[in-house]
């Protein structure tokens, strides 16, 4: 039988796999190439296999491209190697414990995807840092749940992650409700980049929406890991942003200080709370309202004095 005829069954077997399955198929191919066997699949992550796998996975944009990579490799191999690999592919579906999971939400929601990846990194005692070198976050998740020696065997993990994420989103759909602006998110990313403990420099947002998503992703992780650290940083950044915007708004304005009776100060505080504005803005609003009512022409708006 010619090599072309040997490849046809492999081509057919690969076409029967879902695109998500191809991550594991590619990893098996690299084990065959580097080790000459498949014995360590789901047992350990060989350094040479990981290096070769990551080099290839980082060259593709779509998972479907993996089929051609595998066909190209085995087209140059003898039928014995092709048959051995085919046996692995035929068994693959039954070996992927997480195969039945719906991962469409992880693919479409970057916050859920990042939350899942952060969960695995923080929880695993057998984490291999080279996994972080897989550029595409969704491909990285597929590798973890299909090929990692520990997590490929645990089917409940994704359910736990989704439950925790759902609870978080119910509490914090947006972490900075009062500062939900493009300017704030760009400033916030730069603010956190100055301190390594927030691990914000691993994210490289470009668009306005990516900046917004990135800041929320970082605070999702902080909230999940330690609510005290989360609250402290959130308050610190909120205060810093308030001071920054306050100085910008009042640049060029002359400060005035007036001594007010205790009752008047308490009234000012209550109005500030009710109207959700600073005390300076309350005073400005009250003055403008009284001026319009008592000191300006109702028709022209010109001053009467």
C-alpha atoms as a PDB file:
ATOM      1  CA  UNK A   1       0.000   0.000   0.000  1.00  0.00           C
ATOM      2  CA  UNK A   2       1.390   3.426  -0.944  1.00  0.00           C
ATOM      3  CA  UNK A   3       2.009   6.184   1.594  1.00  0.00           C
ATOM      4  CA  UNK A   4      -0.918   8.124   0.094  1.00  0.00           C
ATOM      5  CA  UNK A   5      -3.204   5.169   0.822  1.00  0.00           C
ATOM      6  CA  UNK A   6      -1.820   4.939   4.365  1.00  0.00           C
ATOM      7  CA  UNK A   7      -2.714   8.569   5.001  1.00  0.00           C
ATOM      8  CA  UNK A   8      -6.361   8.312   3.937  1.00  0.00           C
ATOM      9  CA  UNK A   9      -7.537   6.464   7.088  1.00  0.00           C
ATOM     10  CA  UNK A  10      -5.692   9.035   9.198  1.00  0.00           C
ATOM     11  CA  UNK A  11      -7.283  11.894   7.292  1.00  0.00           C
ATOM     12  CA  UNK A  12     -10.702  10.320   7.864  1.00  0.00           C
ATOM     13  CA  UNK A  13     -10.050   9.792  11.579  1.00  0.00           C
ATOM     14  CA  UNK A  14      -8.939  13.393  12.061  1.00  0.00           C
ATOM     15  CA  UNK A  15     -12.031  14.677  10.270  1.00  0.00           C
ATOM     16  CA  UNK A  16     -14.198  12.796  12.759  1.00  0.00           C
ATOM     17  CA  UNK A  17     -12.614  14.658  15.673  1.00  0.00           C
ATOM     18  CA  UNK A  18     -14.029  17.974  16.850  1.00  0.00           C
ATOM     19  CA  UNK A  19     -11.720  20.943  16.412  1.00  0.00           C
ATOM     20  CA  UNK A  20     -11.231  21.144  20.181  1.00  0.00           C
ATOM     21  CA  UNK A  21      -9.982  17.528  20.211  1.00  0.00           C
ATOM     22  CA  UNK A  22      -7.160  18.438  17.847  1.00  0.00           C
ATOM     23  CA  UNK A  23      -5.142  19.992  20.684  1.00  0.00           C
ATOM     24  CA  UNK A  24      -4.702  16.502  22.174  1.00  0.00           C
ATOM     25  CA  UNK A  25      -4.122  14.988  18.718  1.00  0.00           C
ATOM     26  CA  UNK A  26      -1.267  17.425  18.077  1.00  0.00           C
ATOM     27  CA  UNK A  27       0.247  16.712  21.478  1.00  0.00           C
ATOM     28  CA  UNK A  28       0.184  12.978  20.744  1.00  0.00           C
ATOM     29  CA  UNK A  29       1.925  13.626  17.428  1.00  0.00           C
ATOM     30  CA  UNK A  30       4.717  15.504  19.213  1.00  0.00           C
ATOM     31  CA  UNK A  31       5.090  12.664  21.718  1.00  0.00           C
ATOM     32  CA  UNK A  32       5.495  10.275  18.807  1.00  0.00           C
ATOM     33  CA  UNK A  33       8.011  12.583  17.156  1.00  0.00           C
ATOM     34  CA  UNK A  34      10.109  13.347  20.260  1.00  0.00           C
ATOM     35  CA  UNK A  35       9.757  10.148  22.339  1.00  0.00           C
ATOM     36  CA  UNK A  36       8.733   7.482  19.844  1.00  0.00           C
ATOM     37  CA  UNK A  37       5.871   6.339  22.093  1.00  0.00           C
ATOM     38  CA  UNK A  38       2.690   7.544  23.815  1.00  0.00           C
ATOM     39  CA  UNK A  39       3.192   6.035  27.265  1.00  0.00           C
ATOM     40  CA  UNK A  40       3.496   9.323  29.162  1.00  0.00           C
ATOM     41  CA  UNK A  41       0.208  10.793  27.858  1.00  0.00           C
ATOM     42  CA  UNK A  42      -1.790  11.998  30.894  1.00  0.00           C
ATOM     43  CA  UNK A  43       1.141  11.048  33.141  1.00  0.00           C
ATOM     44  CA  UNK A  44       3.791  13.731  32.711  1.00  0.00           C
ATOM     45  CA  UNK A  45       4.760  16.685  30.532  1.00  0.00           C
ATOM     46  CA  UNK A  46       8.079  16.027  28.857  1.00  0.00           C
ATOM     47  CA  UNK A  47      10.113  19.208  28.342  1.00  0.00           C
ATOM     48  CA  UNK A  48      11.098  18.435  24.744  1.00  0.00           C
ATOM     49  CA  UNK A  49       7.551  17.470  23.802  1.00  0.00           C
ATOM     50  CA  UNK A  50       6.211  20.665  25.351  1.00  0.00           C
ATOM     51  CA  UNK A  51       8.754  22.797  23.512  1.00  0.00           C
ATOM     52  CA  UNK A  52       7.904  21.276  20.122  1.00  0.00           C
ATOM     53  CA  UNK A  53       4.151  21.387  20.815  1.00  0.00           C
ATOM     54  CA  UNK A  54       4.187  25.059  21.858  1.00  0.00           C
ATOM     55  CA  UNK A  55       6.247  26.057  18.834  1.00  0.00           C
ATOM     56  CA  UNK A  56       3.619  24.591  16.532  1.00  0.00           C
ATOM     57  CA  UNK A  57       0.503  25.671  18.421  1.00  0.00           C
ATOM     58  CA  UNK A  58       1.725  29.271  18.450  1.00  0.00           C
ATOM     59  CA  UNK A  59       1.904  29.344  14.660  1.00  0.00           C
ATOM     60  CA  UNK A  60      -1.802  28.714  14.064  1.00  0.00           C
ATOM     61  CA  UNK A  61      -4.888  30.903  14.294  1.00  0.00           C
ATOM     62  CA  UNK A  62      -7.590  28.254  13.967  1.00  0.00           C
ATOM     63  CA  UNK A  63      -7.665  24.783  15.515  1.00  0.00           C
ATOM     64  CA  UNK A  64      -8.693  23.254  12.191  1.00  0.00           C
ATOM     65  CA  UNK A  65      -5.177  23.997  10.883  1.00  0.00           C
ATOM     66  CA  UNK A  66      -3.852  21.207  13.125  1.00  0.00           C
ATOM     67  CA  UNK A  67      -5.266  18.529  10.821  1.00  0.00           C
ATOM     68  CA  UNK A  68      -2.961  19.591   8.010  1.00  0.00           C
ATOM     69  CA  UNK A  69       0.044  19.783  10.362  1.00  0.00           C
ATOM     70  CA  UNK A  70      -0.536  16.172  11.420  1.00  0.00           C
ATOM     71  CA  UNK A  71      -1.148  14.964   7.843  1.00  0.00           C
ATOM     72  CA  UNK A  72       2.032  16.710   6.691  1.00  0.00           C
ATOM     73  CA  UNK A  73       4.112  15.050   9.429  1.00  0.00           C
ATOM     74  CA  UNK A  74       2.811  11.517   8.939  1.00  0.00           C
ATOM     75  CA  UNK A  75       2.999  11.744   5.152  1.00  0.00           C
ATOM     76  CA  UNK A  76       6.750  11.349   5.607  1.00  0.00           C
ATOM     77  CA  UNK A  77       6.432   8.365   8.027  1.00  0.00           C
ATOM     78  CA  UNK A  78       6.106   4.647   7.378  1.00  0.00           C
ATOM     79  CA  UNK A  79       2.780   2.849   7.680  1.00  0.00           C
ATOM     80  CA  UNK A  80       3.807   1.353  11.053  1.00  0.00           C
ATOM     81  CA  UNK A  81       4.087   4.822  12.632  1.00  0.00           C
ATOM     82  CA  UNK A  82       0.810   5.889  11.020  1.00  0.00           C
ATOM     83  CA  UNK A  83      -0.975   2.790  12.347  1.00  0.00           C
ATOM     84  CA  UNK A  84       0.370   3.309  15.875  1.00  0.00           C
ATOM     85  CA  UNK A  85      -0.818   6.931  15.819  1.00  0.00           C
ATOM     86  CA  UNK A  86      -4.197   5.904  14.383  1.00  0.00           C
ATOM     87  CA  UNK A  87      -4.720   3.541  17.311  1.00  0.00           C
ATOM     88  CA  UNK A  88      -4.207   6.493  19.650  1.00  0.00           C
ATOM     89  CA  UNK A  89      -6.659   8.666  17.710  1.00  0.00           C
ATOM     90  CA  UNK A  90      -9.342   5.964  17.762  1.00  0.00           C
ATOM     91  CA  UNK A  91      -9.001   5.756  21.544  1.00  0.00           C
ATOM     92  CA  UNK A  92      -8.683   9.499  22.081  1.00  0.00           C
ATOM     93  CA  UNK A  93     -12.386  10.337  22.394  1.00  0.00           C
ATOM     94  CA  UNK A  94     -12.791   7.954  25.321  1.00  0.00           C
ATOM     95  CA  UNK A  95      -9.658   9.282  27.035  1.00  0.00           C
ATOM     96  CA  UNK A  96     -10.769  12.930  27.134  1.00  0.00           C
ATOM     97  CA  UNK A  97     -12.843  13.126  30.307  1.00  0.00           C
ATOM     98  CA  UNK A  98     -13.776  16.766  29.702  1.00  0.00           C
ATOM     99  CA  UNK A  99     -14.766  16.274  26.072  1.00  0.00           C
ATOM    100  CA  UNK A 100     -18.505  16.654  26.680  1.00  0.00           C
ATOM    101  CA  UNK A 101     -18.162  20.083  28.320  1.00  0.00           C
ATOM    102  CA  UNK A 102     -19.632  23.103  26.558  1.00  0.00           C
ATOM    103  CA  UNK A 103     -16.695  25.470  26.139  1.00  0.00           C
ATOM    104  CA  UNK A 104     -18.406  28.009  23.880  1.00  0.00           C
ATOM    105  CA  UNK A 105     -18.880  30.382  26.835  1.00  0.00           C
ATOM    106  CA  UNK A 106     -15.176  30.293  27.613  1.00  0.00           C
ATOM    107  CA  UNK A 107     -14.350  31.034  23.990  1.00  0.00           C
ATOM    108  CA  UNK A 108     -16.724  34.013  23.786  1.00  0.00           C
ATOM    109  CA  UNK A 109     -16.292  35.518  27.259  1.00  0.00           C
ATOM    110  CA  UNK A 110     -12.693  36.683  27.873  1.00  0.00           C
ATOM    111  CA  UNK A 111     -13.410  37.272  31.574  1.00  0.00           C
ATOM    112  CA  UNK A 112     -14.612  33.688  32.089  1.00  0.00           C
ATOM    113  CA  UNK A 113     -11.649  32.344  30.118  1.00  0.00           C
ATOM    114  CA  UNK A 114      -9.167  34.361  32.185  1.00  0.00           C
ATOM    115  CA  UNK A 115     -10.934  33.361  35.409  1.00  0.00           C
ATOM    116  CA  UNK A 116     -10.606  29.679  34.474  1.00  0.00           C
ATOM    117  CA  UNK A 117      -6.931  29.986  33.556  1.00  0.00           C
ATOM    118  CA  UNK A 118      -6.162  31.883  36.782  1.00  0.00           C
ATOM    119  CA  UNK A 119      -7.953  29.171  38.756  1.00  0.00           C
ATOM    120  CA  UNK A 120      -5.793  26.398  37.318  1.00  0.00           C
ATOM    121  CA  UNK A 121      -2.538  28.319  37.806  1.00  0.00           C
ATOM    122  CA  UNK A 122      -3.369  29.149  41.431  1.00  0.00           C
ATOM    123  CA  UNK A 123      -4.695  25.696  42.347  1.00  0.00           C
ATOM    124  CA  UNK A 124      -2.294  23.263  40.732  1.00  0.00           C
ATOM    125  CA  UNK A 125       0.702  21.928  42.639  1.00  0.00           C
ATOM    126  CA  UNK A 126       1.965  20.296  39.467  1.00  0.00           C
ATOM    127  CA  UNK A 127       1.822  23.376  37.271  1.00  0.00           C
ATOM    128  CA  UNK A 128       4.271  23.480  34.400  1.00  0.00           C
ATOM    129  CA  UNK A 129       5.232  27.081  33.639  1.00  0.00           C
ATOM    130  CA  UNK A 130       5.773  26.275  29.988  1.00  0.00           C
ATOM    131  CA  UNK A 131       1.975  26.035  29.610  1.00  0.00           C
ATOM    132  CA  UNK A 132       1.885  29.820  30.013  1.00  0.00           C
ATOM    133  CA  UNK A 133       3.875  30.062  26.771  1.00  0.00           C
ATOM    134  CA  UNK A 134       0.810  28.968  24.765  1.00  0.00           C
ATOM    135  CA  UNK A 135      -0.181  32.365  23.412  1.00  0.00           C
ATOM    136  CA  UNK A 136      -3.843  31.747  22.687  1.00  0.00           C
ATOM    137  CA  UNK A 137      -5.764  31.617  25.980  1.00  0.00           C
ATOM    138  CA  UNK A 138      -8.474  29.293  24.676  1.00  0.00           C
ATOM    139  CA  UNK A 139      -5.899  26.871  23.230  1.00  0.00           C
ATOM    140  CA  UNK A 140      -4.175  26.963  26.643  1.00  0.00           C
ATOM    141  CA  UNK A 141      -7.417  26.015  28.396  1.00  0.00           C
ATOM    142  CA  UNK A 142      -7.992  23.121  25.992  1.00  0.00           C
ATOM    143  CA  UNK A 143      -4.478  21.841  26.642  1.00  0.00           C
ATOM    144  CA  UNK A 144      -5.043  21.983  30.407  1.00  0.00           C
ATOM    145  CA  UNK A 145      -8.322  20.058  30.413  1.00  0.00           C
ATOM    146  CA  UNK A 146      -7.314  17.547  27.724  1.00  0.00           C
ATOM    147  CA  UNK A 147      -3.580  16.960  28.245  1.00  0.00           C
ATOM    148  CA  UNK A 148      -2.498  18.069  31.731  1.00  0.00           C
ATOM    149  CA  UNK A 149      -1.743  14.990  33.872  1.00  0.00           C
ATOM    150  CA  UNK A 150      -3.883  16.268  36.755  1.00  0.00           C
ATOM    151  CA  UNK A 151      -6.723  18.313  35.294  1.00  0.00           C
ATOM    152  CA  UNK A 152      -7.401  16.067  32.318  1.00  0.00           C
ATOM    153  CA  UNK A 153      -8.632  13.501  34.838  1.00  0.00           C
ATOM    154  CA  UNK A 154     -10.932  15.827  36.794  1.00  0.00           C
ATOM    155  CA  UNK A 155     -14.254  16.507  35.097  1.00  0.00           C
ATOM    156  CA  UNK A 156     -15.854  18.523  37.939  1.00  0.00           C
ATOM    157  CA  UNK A 157     -13.294  21.309  37.816  1.00  0.00           C
ATOM    158  CA  UNK A 158     -14.948  23.278  35.006  1.00  0.00           C
ATOM    159  CA  UNK A 159     -18.301  23.155  36.803  1.00  0.00           C
ATOM    160  CA  UNK A 160     -16.710  24.537  39.962  1.00  0.00           C
ATOM    161  CA  UNK A 161     -15.067  27.323  37.974  1.00  0.00           C
ATOM    162  CA  UNK A 162     -18.342  28.310  36.301  1.00  0.00           C
ATOM    163  CA  UNK A 163     -20.162  28.336  39.648  1.00  0.00           C
ATOM    164  CA  UNK A 164     -17.545  30.584  41.236  1.00  0.00           C
ATOM    165  CA  UNK A 165     -17.485  32.873  38.213  1.00  0.00           C
ATOM    166  CA  UNK A 166     -21.281  33.149  38.176  1.00  0.00           C
ATOM    167  CA  UNK A 167     -21.260  34.099  41.858  1.00  0.00           C
ATOM    168  CA  UNK A 168     -18.604  36.739  41.222  1.00  0.00           C
ATOM    169  CA  UNK A 169     -20.451  38.272  38.259  1.00  0.00           C
ATOM    170  CA  UNK A 170     -23.676  38.464  40.274  1.00  0.00           C
ATOM    171  CA  UNK A 171     -21.813  40.610  42.803  1.00  0.00           C
ATOM    172  CA  UNK A 172     -19.527  42.530  40.452  1.00  0.00           C
ATOM    173  CA  UNK A 173     -20.698  42.739  36.874  1.00  0.00           C
ATOM    174  CA  UNK A 174     -18.383  45.756  36.734  1.00  0.00           C
ATOM    175  CA  UNK A 175     -15.909  46.389  39.533  1.00  0.00           C
ATOM    176  CA  UNK A 176     -15.805  50.178  39.152  1.00  0.00           C
ATOM    177  CA  UNK A 177     -19.402  51.209  38.523  1.00  0.00           C
ATOM    178  CA  UNK A 178     -18.854  54.922  39.250  1.00  0.00           C
ATOM    179  CA  UNK A 179     -15.699  55.085  37.126  1.00  0.00           C
ATOM    180  CA  UNK A 180     -16.827  52.997  34.152  1.00  0.00           C
ATOM    181  CA  UNK A 181     -15.075  55.113  31.511  1.00  0.00           C
ATOM    182  CA  UNK A 182     -12.345  54.575  28.934  1.00  0.00           C
ATOM    183  CA  UNK A 183     -10.086  57.164  30.589  1.00  0.00           C
ATOM    184  CA  UNK A 184     -10.346  55.393  33.925  1.00  0.00           C
ATOM    185  CA  UNK A 185      -9.538  51.932  32.554  1.00  0.00           C
ATOM    186  CA  UNK A 186      -6.486  53.154  30.664  1.00  0.00           C
ATOM    187  CA  UNK A 187      -5.279  54.977  33.766  1.00  0.00           C
ATOM    188  CA  UNK A 188      -6.034  51.967  36.015  1.00  0.00           C
ATOM    189  CA  UNK A 189      -4.017  49.567  33.832  1.00  0.00           C
ATOM    190  CA  UNK A 190      -1.031  51.915  33.928  1.00  0.00           C
ATOM    191  CA  UNK A 191      -1.469  52.367  37.686  1.00  0.00           C
ATOM    192  CA  UNK A 192      -1.301  48.618  38.362  1.00  0.00           C
ATOM    193  CA  UNK A 193       1.571  48.066  35.921  1.00  0.00           C
ATOM    194  CA  UNK A 194       3.840  49.930  38.337  1.00  0.00           C
ATOM    195  CA  UNK A 195       3.524  47.145  40.932  1.00  0.00           C
ATOM    196  CA  UNK A 196       4.491  43.556  40.040  1.00  0.00           C
ATOM    197  CA  UNK A 197       2.245  42.008  42.692  1.00  0.00           C
ATOM    198  CA  UNK A 198      -0.862  42.756  40.612  1.00  0.00           C
ATOM    199  CA  UNK A 199       0.523  40.775  37.631  1.00  0.00           C
ATOM    200  CA  UNK A 200      -1.104  43.247  35.239  1.00  0.00           C
ATOM    201  CA  UNK A 201       1.811  43.497  32.805  1.00  0.00           C
ATOM    202  CA  UNK A 202       0.997  40.064  31.355  1.00  0.00           C
ATOM    203  CA  UNK A 203      -1.989  41.706  29.645  1.00  0.00           C
ATOM    204  CA  UNK A 204      -1.455  43.907  26.593  1.00  0.00           C
ATOM    205  CA  UNK A 205      -4.805  45.503  25.702  1.00  0.00           C
ATOM    206  CA  UNK A 206      -5.079  47.629  22.570  1.00  0.00           C
ATOM    207  CA  UNK A 207      -8.685  48.716  22.132  1.00  0.00           C
ATOM    208  CA  UNK A 208     -10.795  50.652  24.640  1.00  0.00           C
ATOM    209  CA  UNK A 209     -12.946  47.580  25.308  1.00  0.00           C
ATOM    210  CA  UNK A 210      -9.859  45.441  25.887  1.00  0.00           C
ATOM    211  CA  UNK A 211      -8.671  47.901  28.559  1.00  0.00           C
ATOM    212  CA  UNK A 212     -12.059  47.682  30.265  1.00  0.00           C
ATOM    213  CA  UNK A 213     -12.040  43.882  30.109  1.00  0.00           C
ATOM    214  CA  UNK A 214      -8.438  43.653  31.332  1.00  0.00           C
ATOM    215  CA  UNK A 215      -9.039  45.729  34.459  1.00  0.00           C
ATOM    216  CA  UNK A 216     -12.131  43.679  35.296  1.00  0.00           C
ATOM    217  CA  UNK A 217     -10.189  40.441  34.715  1.00  0.00           C
ATOM    218  CA  UNK A 218      -7.498  41.524  37.181  1.00  0.00           C
ATOM    219  CA  UNK A 219     -10.079  42.444  39.809  1.00  0.00           C
ATOM    220  CA  UNK A 220     -11.975  39.186  39.188  1.00  0.00           C
ATOM    221  CA  UNK A 221      -8.816  37.347  40.183  1.00  0.00           C
ATOM    222  CA  UNK A 222      -8.134  39.569  43.195  1.00  0.00           C
ATOM    223  CA  UNK A 223     -11.689  39.171  44.471  1.00  0.00           C
ATOM    224  CA  UNK A 224     -11.539  35.398  44.082  1.00  0.00           C
ATOM    225  CA  UNK A 225      -8.143  35.060  45.759  1.00  0.00           C
ATOM    226  CA  UNK A 226      -8.361  37.561  48.627  1.00  0.00           C
ATOM    227  CA  UNK A 227     -11.266  39.936  49.230  1.00  0.00           C
ATOM    228  CA  UNK A 228      -9.250  42.055  51.691  1.00  0.00           C
ATOM    229  CA  UNK A 229      -6.552  42.792  49.108  1.00  0.00           C
ATOM    230  CA  UNK A 230      -9.288  43.351  46.519  1.00  0.00           C
ATOM    231  CA  UNK A 231     -11.113  45.905  48.682  1.00  0.00           C
ATOM    232  CA  UNK A 232      -7.936  47.712  49.726  1.00  0.00           C
ATOM    233  CA  UNK A 233      -6.708  48.155  46.143  1.00  0.00           C
ATOM    234  CA  UNK A 234     -10.161  49.104  44.874  1.00  0.00           C
ATOM    235  CA  UNK A 235     -10.526  51.834  47.527  1.00  0.00           C
ATOM    236  CA  UNK A 236      -6.984  53.047  46.918  1.00  0.00           C
ATOM    237  CA  UNK A 237      -7.510  53.328  43.164  1.00  0.00           C
ATOM    238  CA  UNK A 238     -10.949  54.906  43.527  1.00  0.00           C
ATOM    239  CA  UNK A 239      -9.519  57.594  45.802  1.00  0.00           C
ATOM    240  CA  UNK A 240      -6.527  58.187  43.522  1.00  0.00           C
ATOM    241  CA  UNK A 241      -8.811  58.495  40.474  1.00  0.00           C
ATOM    242  CA  UNK A 242     -11.123  60.890  42.340  1.00  0.00           C
ATOM    243  CA  UNK A 243      -8.186  63.101  43.275  1.00  0.00           C
ATOM    244  CA  UNK A 244      -6.892  63.038  39.703  1.00  0.00           C
ATOM    245  CA  UNK A 245     -10.246  63.974  38.154  1.00  0.00           C
ATOM    246  CA  UNK A 246     -10.968  66.535  40.876  1.00  0.00           C
ATOM    247  CA  UNK A 247      -7.692  68.347  40.228  1.00  0.00           C
ATOM    248  CA  UNK A 248      -8.377  68.282  36.495  1.00  0.00           C
ATOM    249  CA  UNK A 249     -11.884  69.694  36.878  1.00  0.00           C
ATOM    250  CA  UNK A 250     -10.768  72.421  39.240  1.00  0.00           C
ATOM    251  CA  UNK A 251      -7.600  73.398  37.424  1.00  0.00           C
ATOM    252  CA  UNK A 252      -7.536  77.186  37.163  1.00  0.00           C
ATOM    253  CA  UNK A 253     -10.303  77.661  39.709  1.00  0.00           C
ATOM    254  CA  UNK A 254      -9.609  79.786  42.766  1.00  0.00           C
ATOM    255  CA  UNK A 255     -10.215  78.073  46.083  1.00  0.00           C
ATOM    256  CA  UNK A 256     -12.501  79.739  48.626  1.00  0.00           C
ATOM    257  CA  UNK A 257     -13.053  78.730  52.216  1.00  0.00           C
ATOM    258  CA  UNK A 258     -16.047  79.713  54.284  1.00  0.00           C
ATOM    259  CA  UNK A 259     -16.850  79.032  57.921  1.00  0.00           C
ATOM    260  CA  UNK A 260     -20.352  77.541  58.093  1.00  0.00           C
ATOM    261  CA  UNK A 261     -22.452  76.810  61.191  1.00  0.00           C
ATOM    262  CA  UNK A 262     -22.712  73.168  62.267  1.00  0.00           C
ATOM    263  CA  UNK A 263     -26.326  72.861  61.093  1.00  0.00           C
ATOM    264  CA  UNK A 264     -25.460  74.294  57.670  1.00  0.00           C
ATOM    265  CA  UNK A 265     -22.513  71.886  57.319  1.00  0.00           C
ATOM    266  CA  UNK A 266     -24.733  68.917  58.181  1.00  0.00           C
ATOM    267  CA  UNK A 267     -27.330  70.095  55.656  1.00  0.00           C
ATOM    268  CA  UNK A 268     -24.568  70.409  53.060  1.00  0.00           C
ATOM    269  CA  UNK A 269     -23.389  66.870  53.794  1.00  0.00           C
ATOM    270  CA  UNK A 270     -26.914  65.472  53.402  1.00  0.00           C
ATOM    271  CA  UNK A 271     -27.482  67.298  50.118  1.00  0.00           C
ATOM    272  CA  UNK A 272     -24.118  66.050  48.863  1.00  0.00           C
ATOM    273  CA  UNK A 273     -25.155  62.458  49.634  1.00  0.00           C
ATOM    274  CA  UNK A 274     -28.643  62.820  48.173  1.00  0.00           C
ATOM    275  CA  UNK A 275     -27.501  64.444  44.949  1.00  0.00           C
ATOM    276  CA  UNK A 276     -24.401  62.224  44.664  1.00  0.00           C
ATOM    277  CA  UNK A 277     -22.016  65.109  44.117  1.00  0.00           C
ATOM    278  CA  UNK A 278     -19.215  66.850  45.959  1.00  0.00           C
ATOM    279  CA  UNK A 279     -20.001  69.532  48.497  1.00  0.00           C
ATOM    280  CA  UNK A 280     -18.383  72.106  46.212  1.00  0.00           C
ATOM    281  CA  UNK A 281     -20.779  71.091  43.424  1.00  0.00           C
ATOM    282  CA  UNK A 282     -23.741  71.337  45.828  1.00  0.00           C
ATOM    283  CA  UNK A 283     -22.778  74.894  46.775  1.00  0.00           C
ATOM    284  CA  UNK A 284     -22.283  75.788  43.101  1.00  0.00           C
ATOM    285  CA  UNK A 285     -25.699  74.357  42.203  1.00  0.00           C
ATOM    286  CA  UNK A 286     -27.490  76.187  45.026  1.00  0.00           C
ATOM    287  CA  UNK A 287     -25.877  79.510  44.103  1.00  0.00           C
ATOM    288  CA  UNK A 288     -26.767  79.099  40.425  1.00  0.00           C
ATOM    289  CA  UNK A 289     -30.368  78.206  41.232  1.00  0.00           C
ATOM    290  CA  UNK A 290     -30.866  81.212  43.531  1.00  0.00           C
ATOM    291  CA  UNK A 291     -29.094  83.518  41.086  1.00  0.00           C
ATOM    292  CA  UNK A 292     -31.362  82.484  38.202  1.00  0.00           C
ATOM    293  CA  UNK A 293     -34.463  82.894  40.382  1.00  0.00           C
ATOM    294  CA  UNK A 294     -33.623  86.208  42.046  1.00  0.00           C
ATOM    295  CA  UNK A 295     -30.967  88.008  40.038  1.00  0.00           C
ATOM    296  CA  UNK A 296     -31.647  87.373  36.332  1.00  0.00           C
ATOM    297  CA  UNK A 297     -34.313  88.442  33.856  1.00  0.00           C
ATOM    298  CA  UNK A 298     -36.711  85.479  33.331  1.00  0.00           C
ATOM    299  CA  UNK A 299     -37.025  86.257  29.624  1.00  0.00           C
ATOM    300  CA  UNK A 300     -33.500  87.199  28.507  1.00  0.00           C
ATOM    301  CA  UNK A 301     -31.495  85.637  31.309  1.00  0.00           C
ATOM    302  CA  UNK A 302     -29.492  88.850  31.658  1.00  0.00           C
ATOM    303  CA  UNK A 303     -28.391  90.003  35.084  1.00  0.00           C
ATOM    304  CA  UNK A 304     -30.728  92.442  36.848  1.00  0.00           C
ATOM    305  CA  UNK A 305     -27.865  94.083  38.727  1.00  0.00           C
END
